[in-house]
Amino acid sequence: MIAFLMNRSTHSLESNTYVFFIPVLILYEVDKAPENIQHLIKWIMDCYTDSCKLILCCEDDSDILETVKNSCKVLKVDAPVTHEVRMFLLESVYSLLGRNNGI
């Protein structure tokens, strides 16, 4: 599964500056990808490292090629518990409601 966040830029009139957002490609279940796909991921990482960022998600990094892992910063995170997911969703909804209502 792949999720892609679009590249965009914004312009601030007060400071007359541009803020650029770098595209982020999120790849899920990379540990389940066959070896040839992992080589392709490594090639993409090498070619586009300056123009976009990749986030690779997996359950077990032992199944990921060493060449891919060596090009990454590995962060091991435990799966969130139910109340953490609930709090994140509530904070996200409140944030969206606040922005839309001028709060």
C-alpha atoms as a PDB file:
ATOM      1  CA  MET A   1       0.000   0.000   0.000  1.00  0.00           C
ATOM      2  CA  ILE A   2       1.324   3.432  -0.933  1.00  0.00           C
ATOM      3  CA  ALA A   3       0.232   6.834   0.325  1.00  0.00           C
ATOM      4  CA  PHE A   4       1.492  10.020  -1.296  1.00  0.00           C
ATOM      5  CA  LEU A   5       1.269  13.499   0.173  1.00  0.00           C
ATOM      6  CA  MET A   6       1.222  16.119  -2.554  1.00  0.00           C
ATOM      7  CA  ASN A   7       3.950  18.684  -3.037  1.00  0.00           C
ATOM      8  CA  ARG A   8       2.782  22.236  -2.592  1.00  0.00           C
ATOM      9  CA  SER A   9       4.078  25.656  -1.683  1.00  0.00           C
ATOM     10  CA  THR A  10       2.596  28.614   0.104  1.00  0.00           C
ATOM     11  CA  HIS A  11       3.452  32.282   0.005  1.00  0.00           C
ATOM     12  CA  SER A  12       3.342  34.534   3.053  1.00  0.00           C
ATOM     13  CA  LEU A  13       2.455  38.114   2.168  1.00  0.00           C
ATOM     14  CA  GLU A  14       3.613  39.520   5.525  1.00  0.00           C
ATOM     15  CA  SER A  15       7.190  38.259   5.281  1.00  0.00           C
ATOM     16  CA  ASN A  16       7.314  37.869   1.482  1.00  0.00           C
ATOM     17  CA  THR A  17       8.724  34.350   1.795  1.00  0.00           C
ATOM     18  CA  TYR A  18       7.856  31.013   0.257  1.00  0.00           C
ATOM     19  CA  VAL A  19       7.459  27.841   2.258  1.00  0.00           C
ATOM     20  CA  PHE A  20       7.948  24.646   0.260  1.00  0.00           C
ATOM     21  CA  PHE A  21       6.624  21.287   1.285  1.00  0.00           C
ATOM     22  CA  ILE A  22       8.628  18.286   0.108  1.00  0.00           C
ATOM     23  CA  PRO A  23       6.614  15.339  -1.228  1.00  0.00           C
ATOM     24  CA  VAL A  24       6.559  12.368   1.110  1.00  0.00           C
ATOM     25  CA  LEU A  25       6.048   8.836  -0.137  1.00  0.00           C
ATOM     26  CA  ILE A  26       4.898   6.389   2.536  1.00  0.00           C
ATOM     27  CA  LEU A  27       5.369   2.691   1.793  1.00  0.00           C
ATOM     28  CA  TYR A  28       3.591   0.185   4.025  1.00  0.00           C
ATOM     29  CA  GLU A  29       4.516  -3.475   4.608  1.00  0.00           C
ATOM     30  CA  VAL A  30       7.919  -3.109   2.970  1.00  0.00           C
ATOM     31  CA  ASP A  31       9.077  -6.253   4.792  1.00  0.00           C
ATOM     32  CA  LYS A  32       6.545  -8.241   2.737  1.00  0.00           C
ATOM     33  CA  ALA A  33       7.826  -6.882  -0.582  1.00  0.00           C
ATOM     34  CA  PRO A  34       9.900  -9.281  -2.726  1.00  0.00           C
ATOM     35  CA  GLU A  35      13.608  -8.692  -3.115  1.00  0.00           C
ATOM     36  CA  ASN A  36      13.352  -7.150  -6.597  1.00  0.00           C
ATOM     37  CA  ILE A  37      10.839  -4.560  -5.298  1.00  0.00           C
ATOM     38  CA  GLN A  38      13.147  -3.735  -2.400  1.00  0.00           C
ATOM     39  CA  HIS A  39      15.960  -3.148  -4.898  1.00  0.00           C
ATOM     40  CA  LEU A  40      13.617  -0.801  -6.767  1.00  0.00           C
ATOM     41  CA  ILE A  41      12.858   1.037  -3.504  1.00  0.00           C
ATOM     42  CA  LYS A  42      16.599   1.447  -2.931  1.00  0.00           C
ATOM     43  CA  TRP A  43      17.029   2.812  -6.462  1.00  0.00           C
ATOM     44  CA  ILE A  44      14.198   5.313  -5.894  1.00  0.00           C
ATOM     45  CA  MET A  45      15.795   6.359  -2.613  1.00  0.00           C
ATOM     46  CA  ASP A  46      19.134   6.951  -4.318  1.00  0.00           C
ATOM     47  CA  CYS A  47      17.696   8.859  -7.288  1.00  0.00           C
ATOM     48  CA  TYR A  48      15.169  11.063  -5.533  1.00  0.00           C
ATOM     49  CA  THR A  49      16.661  11.658  -2.099  1.00  0.00           C
ATOM     50  CA  ASP A  50      16.888  15.425  -2.672  1.00  0.00           C
ATOM     51  CA  SER A  51      13.425  15.911  -4.162  1.00  0.00           C
ATOM     52  CA  CYS A  52      11.244  13.733  -1.915  1.00  0.00           C
ATOM     53  CA  LYS A  53      11.322  11.785   1.320  1.00  0.00           C
ATOM     54  CA  LEU A  54      10.350   8.168   1.849  1.00  0.00           C
ATOM     55  CA  ILE A  55       8.894   6.608   4.955  1.00  0.00           C
ATOM     56  CA  LEU A  56       9.104   2.815   4.994  1.00  0.00           C
ATOM     57  CA  CYS A  57       6.808   0.967   7.387  1.00  0.00           C
ATOM     58  CA  CYS A  58       7.191  -2.673   8.380  1.00  0.00           C
ATOM     59  CA  GLU A  59       6.548  -5.119  11.191  1.00  0.00           C
ATOM     60  CA  ASP A  60       9.914  -6.903  11.053  1.00  0.00           C
ATOM     61  CA  ASP A  61      12.992  -5.162   9.671  1.00  0.00           C
ATOM     62  CA  SER A  62      14.919  -8.456   9.456  1.00  0.00           C
ATOM     63  CA  ASP A  63      13.152  -9.118   6.147  1.00  0.00           C
ATOM     64  CA  ILE A  64      14.359  -5.848   4.605  1.00  0.00           C
ATOM     65  CA  LEU A  65      17.548  -5.853   2.531  1.00  0.00           C
ATOM     66  CA  GLU A  66      20.602  -4.495   4.322  1.00  0.00           C
ATOM     67  CA  THR A  67      21.265  -2.046   1.484  1.00  0.00           C
ATOM     68  CA  VAL A  68      17.835  -0.524   2.050  1.00  0.00           C
ATOM     69  CA  LYS A  69      18.208  -0.436   5.848  1.00  0.00           C
ATOM     70  CA  ASN A  70      21.655   1.147   5.574  1.00  0.00           C
ATOM     71  CA  SER A  71      20.138   4.061   3.651  1.00  0.00           C
ATOM     72  CA  CYS A  72      17.495   4.668   6.306  1.00  0.00           C
ATOM     73  CA  LYS A  73      17.214   5.988   9.788  1.00  0.00           C
ATOM     74  CA  VAL A  74      15.544   3.094  11.587  1.00  0.00           C
ATOM     75  CA  LEU A  75      12.959   4.001  14.214  1.00  0.00           C
ATOM     76  CA  LYS A  76      11.424   1.165  16.177  1.00  0.00           C
ATOM     77  CA  VAL A  77       8.038   2.103  17.555  1.00  0.00           C
ATOM     78  CA  ASP A  78       5.650  -0.090  19.512  1.00  0.00           C
ATOM     79  CA  ALA A  79       2.124  -0.323  18.187  1.00  0.00           C
ATOM     80  CA  PRO A  80      -0.105   2.238  19.880  1.00  0.00           C
ATOM     81  CA  VAL A  81      -2.644   1.107  22.421  1.00  0.00           C
ATOM     82  CA  THR A  82      -6.328   1.836  21.879  1.00  0.00           C
ATOM     83  CA  HIS A  83      -6.534   4.928  24.088  1.00  0.00           C
ATOM     84  CA  GLU A  84      -3.538   6.501  22.302  1.00  0.00           C
ATOM     85  CA  VAL A  85      -5.253   6.066  18.932  1.00  0.00           C
ATOM     86  CA  ARG A  86      -8.471   7.495  20.366  1.00  0.00           C
ATOM     87  CA  MET A  87      -6.656  10.555  21.785  1.00  0.00           C
ATOM     88  CA  PHE A  88      -4.854  11.175  18.483  1.00  0.00           C
ATOM     89  CA  LEU A  89      -8.129  11.030  16.548  1.00  0.00           C
ATOM     90  CA  LEU A  90      -9.870  13.352  19.004  1.00  0.00           C
ATOM     91  CA  GLU A  91      -7.008  15.869  18.864  1.00  0.00           C
ATOM     92  CA  SER A  92      -7.067  15.757  15.069  1.00  0.00           C
ATOM     93  CA  VAL A  93     -10.825  16.353  14.939  1.00  0.00           C
ATOM     94  CA  TYR A  94     -10.631  19.203  17.466  1.00  0.00           C
ATOM     95  CA  SER A  95      -7.792  20.755  15.507  1.00  0.00           C
ATOM     96  CA  LEU A  96      -9.799  20.594  12.262  1.00  0.00           C
ATOM     97  CA  LEU A  97     -12.915  21.977  13.934  1.00  0.00           C
ATOM     98  CA  GLY A  98     -10.917  24.784  15.494  1.00  0.00           C
ATOM     99  CA  ARG A  99      -9.378  25.769  12.157  1.00  0.00           C
ATOM    100  CA  ASN A 100     -12.710  25.713  10.350  1.00  0.00           C
ATOM    101  CA  ASN A 101     -14.483  27.753  13.028  1.00  0.00           C
ATOM    102  CA  GLY A 102     -11.692  30.261  13.611  1.00  0.00           C
ATOM    103  CA  ILE A 103     -10.984  28.984  17.124  1.00  0.00           C
END
